[in-house]
Amino acid sequence: MPLRSFIHDLILQLRAALKWLVIILPMATVVGSACALFLWSLDRATETRFEHPWLLFLLPVAGVAVGFLYHWLGKSAEGGNNLIMEEIHQPGGGVPLRMAPLILVATVITHLFGGSAGREGTAVQMGGSIAGSFGRLFRLDRAGVRILLMAGIAAGFGAVFGTPLAGAVFALEVLTIGQMRYESLLACLLAAVVGDWSCQTWGIAHTPYSVAYMSAEMVPTHHFHLEALLLVKVALAAVAFGFASALFAEVSHSLSAVFKRVCPYAPLRPALGGVIVVGLVYVLGTTQYLGLGVTSPDPQHVTIVSLFSSQETYAWVWLWKLVFTAVTLSAGFKGGEVTPLFFIGAALGNALAGVLGAPLDLFAALGFVAIFAGATNTPLACTLMGIELFGAANGVYFAVACFLAYMCSGHSSIYLAQRVGVPKSGHISLPPHVSLKHLRETNGSLLERLSRQILIRSHKSVVHPVEKMDEEGAQPEQKNDPPAPKA
């Protein structure tokens, strides 16, 4: 390349970098500050619910409030994370600024009265909403808006979990299964780092987790190593994590369709979901499945933190958290799916560790990130999250768990706006860049497809009953059988 062309290209790149610095630095600062306000509000709401357990009885009423809040003010903001992803794929009406305050208020209401939900969806929607407003302010073209929306996702994700590397890669990876486009790489990294810094500047601290297994091996005087048998156990657990990811996504989408059929009027659906959640609490006799599930003042409750420190295994805790979360979010309450997925994954990892004879804290950490990887189709981001949250000592185990869970979850996701860039199997033929929503509408849900396959196989397996052997063990002559072909 001639020197003049090289210098010209370098000047253009520097100008572009300066432009994005001017836009992204304030945008990510605002997103990080909004996430700090959200996390502070969430803590206060959770503490209030712990102090006043009777608030659970008002969950159906809170559901009506959330339903009418979005009915009157939501409009396109009802699309949530999927709206942001669709705008990145194909810009249309834009992401409204009102999405940020609406999702913040609605999520805090959900947690205050005991709904089982998370916080990732709220952070991502606030990030996308604020980023969209900055795009309009700076009058960016479609390509620029696309980059800025991805940076907003990275800033929100990195800030709410304290994982900037995972946040940056998540924004690149979540849009299209099997493909990543790198034009937003530096923008997403810058936004995630600044968002995380801004959030921490407000004094927000994230929950610490620790995995003792192999931590001593990272001392410089030791050599990192893998255990072959443990690696096999991790692979077996990863298959279960992948299936659990698909189960969560399919149950959530199917329940959402059921709520729409049972209650066509959208503002009243959360009330129905609230009644079901209250009923489940009294059937099971515990409130440990409400809210985030990260910590609890009741030492008898199973929480994400306790799953790392307890030496006791819990067989079905993960399934009940899945049910509570699917009912809450499918009915129309607001929040994210990811923190409940952390709970589900850590609890399933805890249960599998008891079955496989593996370290409890390690398998809780593996499930923590692997089910998230399978449910969102983001194995690289979740591997980085495992390293950022739990340390690099078990990085290979995190990668194996996340990659296999991703492969075993099929083409399912909690985000139906995801598109398939490269199918997970070379034997599957799909239209180019088809959305998971379109696949679901065309082929039905995973549960429906499995039911059809079972019916087809059952039909094929119906043959003439085989006659019983006679007492001597000889097979009676089959009169209607065709003659055997000659050799």
Foldseek 3Di string as FASTA:
>chain_A
DDPVVVVVVVVVVVVVVVVLCVLQLVLLLVLLVLLLVLVVLLVVLLVLCQVPVVLLVCQLVLLLVLLVLCVPPVVVLLCQPLVLLVCLVPNDPFQALVNLVSQSVLQSSCQNNWAQFAALSNSLSNLQNSLRVSCVVVVPDSNVSSLSSLLSQLSSNCQNAVQNVLSLLCSQDLFAFPDGDCPNNVSNSVSSVSSNVSSCVVVDDHDAAEAPPQPVQPPVVHDADDDPLVLVLLLVLLLVLLQVLLVLQQLLVVLLVVLCVVDVSQSNLSSVLSVVLVVVCVVVVHSCLTYLQQDHPDPVHRGLRCQQVDPDADACPLVVNSVSNSSNVSSPRHHHHLSSQLRSQLNSLRNSCVVSVHRRNVSSLLRNLQSVCSQSVRLVSSLSVSCVRYNCSCSVSSSSSNVSSNLSNAPGHNRQSHFYQDGSDPVDDDPHRHTNVVVCVVVNRPVVVVVVVVVVVVVVPDDPDQDDADPVRHGDDDPPDDDDDDD
